[in-house]
Protein backbone atom coordinates (compact mmCIF):
# COMPACT_ATOMS: atom_id res chain seq x y z
CA MET A 1 -112.56 19.92 -48.92
CA HIS A 2 -114.36 16.67 -49.56
CA GLU A 3 -112.72 13.33 -50.24
CA ALA A 4 -114.18 10.56 -52.36
CA ASP A 5 -114.69 8.47 -49.21
CA GLY A 6 -117.00 11.16 -47.77
CA SER A 7 -114.48 12.67 -45.36
CA ASN A 8 -114.71 16.44 -44.93
CA TYR A 9 -111.87 18.81 -44.01
CA GLU A 10 -111.99 22.47 -43.04
CA ASN A 11 -110.22 24.49 -45.70
CA GLU A 12 -110.96 28.18 -45.37
CA SER A 13 -108.68 30.81 -46.89
CA VAL A 14 -108.76 34.58 -47.29
CA LEU A 15 -107.24 36.43 -50.20
CA LEU A 16 -104.96 39.08 -48.66
CA GLU A 17 -103.32 40.50 -51.79
CA LEU A 18 -103.65 40.22 -55.52
CA ASP A 19 -101.12 42.03 -57.65
CA ALA A 20 -101.92 40.61 -61.08
CA PRO A 21 -100.16 39.10 -62.85
CA SER A 22 -97.20 38.69 -60.51
CA LYS A 23 -98.28 38.06 -56.90
CA VAL A 24 -101.00 36.37 -54.86
CA VAL A 25 -101.08 36.23 -51.04
CA ILE A 26 -103.53 33.89 -49.29
CA GLN A 27 -104.04 33.39 -45.56
CA HIS A 28 -105.12 29.85 -44.68
CA GLU A 29 -107.57 30.25 -41.77
CA SER A 30 -108.13 26.55 -41.04
CA LEU A 31 -105.49 24.51 -39.25
CA PRO A 32 -102.65 24.50 -39.95
CA ARG A 33 -102.59 28.28 -40.25
CA TYR A 34 -100.16 29.83 -42.70
CA VAL A 35 -99.73 32.64 -45.20
CA LEU A 36 -99.01 31.55 -48.74
CA THR A 37 -97.26 33.95 -51.10
CA ILE A 38 -97.03 33.00 -54.76
CA ARG A 39 -94.89 35.08 -57.13
CA LEU A 40 -94.86 34.64 -60.90
CA ALA A 41 -92.29 36.05 -63.30
CA ALA A 42 -91.62 35.66 -67.02
CA GLU A 43 -88.28 33.99 -67.57
CA GLU A 44 -86.79 32.75 -70.86
CA GLY A 45 -90.11 31.90 -72.50
CA ALA A 46 -91.53 30.28 -69.39
CA THR A 47 -92.96 31.31 -66.02
CA ARG A 48 -90.99 31.05 -62.81
CA ILE A 49 -93.18 30.30 -59.80
CA VAL A 50 -91.88 30.98 -56.30
CA TRP A 51 -94.05 29.49 -53.56
CA ASN A 52 -93.55 30.51 -49.91
CA GLN A 53 -95.59 29.18 -46.99
CA GLN A 54 -95.09 30.94 -43.64
CA PHE A 55 -96.59 28.96 -40.78
CA GLY A 56 -97.74 30.77 -37.64
CA ASN A 57 -96.69 27.81 -35.48
CA PRO A 58 -93.11 26.50 -35.87
CA VAL A 59 -94.06 23.13 -34.40
CA ALA A 60 -96.77 22.68 -37.08
CA ALA A 61 -94.28 23.79 -39.77
CA ALA A 62 -91.71 21.22 -38.62
CA ARG A 63 -94.38 18.49 -38.45
CA LEU A 64 -95.54 19.19 -42.01
CA ARG A 65 -92.15 19.90 -43.59
CA HIS A 66 -91.83 16.36 -45.03
CA ILE A 67 -95.11 16.85 -46.90
CA VAL A 68 -94.96 20.57 -47.83
CA GLU A 69 -91.46 20.74 -49.30
CA PRO A 70 -91.68 17.89 -51.83
CA ALA A 71 -95.28 18.76 -52.76
CA ASN A 72 -94.47 22.37 -53.57
């Protein structure tokens, strides 16, 4: 990832599973490492999105909780 100020951040991910149109699983290889599972389901004329991030390191998960939960 590249910011407007010129900063660069590692952001490598691997697609682990794609079950279109209802599920995507991505493994984030750069730190912090996690597996992201996104599920989509039709519900009352809309789409319900369930977003689950499983961190490999519980300390990293706790440190990022204040950012991850409200952002997602």
